[in-house]
Amino acid sequence: MGYVLRAAIAGHELLRAASRDVPGAGVAPLRQGLSLMPMTGEGFDTVTDGSPAGSLGFWRLPAGFEKLLARWSAAGSVAYVEAEYFGGVGEQHAAVWAHGGVVLGPLST
């Protein structure tokens, strides 16, 4: 059994407003006032800007999406997370943007 996660996480209101920039994006509420926006295929295509892939170490962070995450972070902290596991083996990656720049990470395990 395995799972794959690729998503942005932020405060509910921030992510609801930001998701309007991403056609087909859904926002799922989490606890503590946070929400999660899964990175779907349609969302990936929408936020990819054609620039070279970033150097943050993510597998599937859309090229240029970090610029959009930085812009969203002017209104509050935004995280991008990826995880992929199968049979108990896998990796996780995360970074957090605030005030227009990366403030944590990228982290990998």
C-alpha atoms as a PDB file:
ATOM      1  CA  MET A   1       0.000   0.000   0.000  1.00  0.00           C
ATOM      2  CA  GLY A   2       1.298   3.462  -0.803  1.00  0.00           C
ATOM      3  CA  TYR A   3       0.355   7.085  -1.187  1.00  0.00           C
ATOM      4  CA  VAL A   4       1.348  10.235  -3.043  1.00  0.00           C
ATOM      5  CA  LEU A   5       0.789  13.790  -1.807  1.00  0.00           C
ATOM      6  CA  ARG A   6       1.592  17.016  -3.634  1.00  0.00           C
ATOM      7  CA  ALA A   7      -0.107  20.077  -2.159  1.00  0.00           C
ATOM      8  CA  ALA A   8       0.018  23.641  -0.914  1.00  0.00           C
ATOM      9  CA  ILE A   9      -1.012  24.235   2.706  1.00  0.00           C
ATOM     10  CA  ALA A  10      -1.943  27.642   4.142  1.00  0.00           C
ATOM     11  CA  GLY A  11      -4.540  29.438   6.213  1.00  0.00           C
ATOM     12  CA  HIS A  12      -8.045  28.694   4.959  1.00  0.00           C
ATOM     13  CA  GLU A  13      -8.941  32.207   3.741  1.00  0.00           C
ATOM     14  CA  LEU A  14      -5.532  32.750   2.142  1.00  0.00           C
ATOM     15  CA  LEU A  15      -5.691  29.465   0.246  1.00  0.00           C
ATOM     16  CA  ARG A  16      -9.309  29.967  -0.848  1.00  0.00           C
ATOM     17  CA  ALA A  17      -8.398  33.344  -2.329  1.00  0.00           C
ATOM     18  CA  ALA A  18      -5.140  32.080  -3.847  1.00  0.00           C
ATOM     19  CA  SER A  19      -6.792  29.032  -5.401  1.00  0.00           C
ATOM     20  CA  ARG A  20      -8.790  31.347  -7.643  1.00  0.00           C
ATOM     21  CA  ASP A  21      -5.529  31.701  -9.635  1.00  0.00           C
ATOM     22  CA  VAL A  22      -5.544  27.933 -10.273  1.00  0.00           C
ATOM     23  CA  PRO A  23      -8.438  26.666 -12.436  1.00  0.00           C
ATOM     24  CA  GLY A  24      -9.879  23.399 -11.177  1.00  0.00           C
ATOM     25  CA  ALA A  25      -8.199  23.755  -7.778  1.00  0.00           C
ATOM     26  CA  GLY A  26      -9.999  22.359  -4.771  1.00  0.00           C
ATOM     27  CA  VAL A  27      -9.397  23.407  -1.198  1.00  0.00           C
ATOM     28  CA  ALA A  28      -9.900  20.934   1.644  1.00  0.00           C
ATOM     29  CA  PRO A  29     -10.148  22.216   5.226  1.00  0.00           C
ATOM     30  CA  LEU A  30      -7.721  20.865   7.803  1.00  0.00           C
ATOM     31  CA  ARG A  31      -7.605  21.566  11.526  1.00  0.00           C
ATOM     32  CA  GLN A  32      -6.297  24.718  13.220  1.00  0.00           C
ATOM     33  CA  GLY A  33      -7.562  27.068  10.494  1.00  0.00           C
ATOM     34  CA  LEU A  34      -5.447  25.523   7.738  1.00  0.00           C
ATOM     35  CA  SER A  35      -6.459  24.148   4.348  1.00  0.00           C
ATOM     36  CA  LEU A  36      -4.831  21.964   1.729  1.00  0.00           C
ATOM     37  CA  MET A  37      -4.892  22.477  -2.043  1.00  0.00           C
ATOM     38  CA  PRO A  38      -3.861  19.245  -3.808  1.00  0.00           C
ATOM     39  CA  MET A  39      -1.719  19.716  -6.906  1.00  0.00           C
ATOM     40  CA  THR A  40      -3.817  18.106  -9.635  1.00  0.00           C
ATOM     41  CA  GLY A  41      -2.715  17.591 -13.221  1.00  0.00           C
ATOM     42  CA  GLU A  42      -4.819  20.561 -14.333  1.00  0.00           C
ATOM     43  CA  GLY A  43      -3.405  22.726 -11.538  1.00  0.00           C
ATOM     44  CA  PHE A  44       0.134  21.660 -12.413  1.00  0.00           C
ATOM     45  CA  ASP A  45      -0.380  22.706 -16.031  1.00  0.00           C
ATOM     46  CA  THR A  46      -1.892  26.044 -14.968  1.00  0.00           C
ATOM     47  CA  VAL A  47       0.898  27.135 -12.612  1.00  0.00           C
ATOM     48  CA  THR A  48       3.846  25.897 -14.696  1.00  0.00           C
ATOM     49  CA  ASP A  49       5.375  28.928 -16.392  1.00  0.00           C
ATOM     50  CA  GLY A  50       7.865  27.204 -18.691  1.00  0.00           C
ATOM     51  CA  SER A  51      10.925  28.378 -16.777  1.00  0.00           C
ATOM     52  CA  PRO A  52      13.665  25.894 -15.862  1.00  0.00           C
ATOM     53  CA  ALA A  53      12.820  23.659 -12.892  1.00  0.00           C
ATOM     54  CA  GLY A  54      13.743  25.204  -9.557  1.00  0.00           C
ATOM     55  CA  SER A  55      16.598  24.046  -7.381  1.00  0.00           C
ATOM     56  CA  LEU A  56      14.547  23.307  -4.260  1.00  0.00           C
ATOM     57  CA  GLY A  57      14.857  19.521  -4.607  1.00  0.00           C
ATOM     58  CA  PHE A  58      11.187  18.677  -5.107  1.00  0.00           C
ATOM     59  CA  TRP A  59      10.203  15.925  -7.547  1.00  0.00           C
ATOM     60  CA  ARG A  60       7.148  17.617  -9.016  1.00  0.00           C
ATOM     61  CA  LEU A  61       7.147  21.284  -7.981  1.00  0.00           C
ATOM     62  CA  PRO A  62       5.878  22.952 -11.171  1.00  0.00           C
ATOM     63  CA  ALA A  63       8.487  25.193 -12.789  1.00  0.00           C
ATOM     64  CA  GLY A  64       7.797  28.748 -11.660  1.00  0.00           C
ATOM     65  CA  PHE A  65       5.257  27.750  -8.984  1.00  0.00           C
ATOM     66  CA  GLU A  66       7.651  28.913  -6.288  1.00  0.00           C
ATOM     67  CA  LYS A  67       7.146  32.496  -7.613  1.00  0.00           C
ATOM     68  CA  LEU A  68       3.396  32.148  -7.161  1.00  0.00           C
ATOM     69  CA  LEU A  69       3.852  30.654  -3.682  1.00  0.00           C
ATOM     70  CA  ALA A  70       6.106  33.599  -2.795  1.00  0.00           C
ATOM     71  CA  ARG A  71       3.447  36.042  -4.017  1.00  0.00           C
ATOM     72  CA  TRP A  72       0.715  34.258  -2.033  1.00  0.00           C
ATOM     73  CA  SER A  73       2.940  34.359   1.077  1.00  0.00           C
ATOM     74  CA  ALA A  74       2.654  38.134   1.246  1.00  0.00           C
ATOM     75  CA  ALA A  75      -0.747  37.463   2.869  1.00  0.00           C
ATOM     76  CA  GLY A  76       0.498  34.696   5.196  1.00  0.00           C
ATOM     77  CA  SER A  77       2.674  31.614   5.404  1.00  0.00           C
ATOM     78  CA  VAL A  78       2.292  29.017   2.631  1.00  0.00           C
ATOM     79  CA  ALA A  79       3.869  25.548   2.551  1.00  0.00           C
ATOM     80  CA  TYR A  80       4.386  23.225  -0.392  1.00  0.00           C
ATOM     81  CA  VAL A  81       4.680  19.550   0.516  1.00  0.00           C
ATOM     82  CA  GLU A  82       5.362  16.348  -1.378  1.00  0.00           C
ATOM     83  CA  ALA A  83       5.406  12.774  -0.123  1.00  0.00           C
ATOM     84  CA  GLU A  84       5.544   9.474  -1.925  1.00  0.00           C
ATOM     85  CA  TYR A  85       5.587   6.111  -0.152  1.00  0.00           C
ATOM     86  CA  PHE A  86       5.069   2.527  -1.201  1.00  0.00           C
ATOM     87  CA  GLY A  87       5.580  -0.487   1.024  1.00  0.00           C
ATOM     88  CA  GLY A  88       6.931   1.701   3.832  1.00  0.00           C
ATOM     89  CA  VAL A  89       9.685   3.193   1.665  1.00  0.00           C
ATOM     90  CA  GLY A  90       9.621   6.738   0.336  1.00  0.00           C
ATOM     91  CA  GLU A  91      10.498  10.380   0.728  1.00  0.00           C
ATOM     92  CA  GLN A  92       8.993  13.658   1.938  1.00  0.00           C
ATOM     93  CA  HIS A  93       9.869  17.214   0.934  1.00  0.00           C
ATOM     94  CA  ALA A  94       8.576  20.531   2.278  1.00  0.00           C
ATOM     95  CA  ALA A  95       9.276  24.258   2.163  1.00  0.00           C
ATOM     96  CA  VAL A  96       7.521  27.272   3.683  1.00  0.00           C
ATOM     97  CA  TRP A  97       7.222  30.750   2.196  1.00  0.00           C
ATOM     98  CA  ALA A  98       6.383  33.916   4.182  1.00  0.00           C
ATOM     99  CA  HIS A  99       6.704  37.616   3.383  1.00  0.00           C
ATOM    100  CA  GLY A 100       7.595  36.786  -0.220  1.00  0.00           C
ATOM    101  CA  GLY A 101      10.452  34.343   0.349  1.00  0.00           C
ATOM    102  CA  VAL A 102      11.411  30.888   1.591  1.00  0.00           C
ATOM    103  CA  VAL A 103      11.648  30.914   5.389  1.00  0.00           C
ATOM    104  CA  LEU A 104      11.954  27.169   6.043  1.00  0.00           C
ATOM    105  CA  GLY A 105      13.530  24.471   3.953  1.00  0.00           C
ATOM    106  CA  PRO A 106      13.521  22.911   1.660  1.00  0.00           C
ATOM    107  CA  LEU A 107      13.428  19.949   4.027  1.00  0.00           C
ATOM    108  CA  SER A 108      13.758  16.333   2.891  1.00  0.00           C
ATOM    109  CA  THR A 109      13.485  12.980   4.638  1.00  0.00           C
END
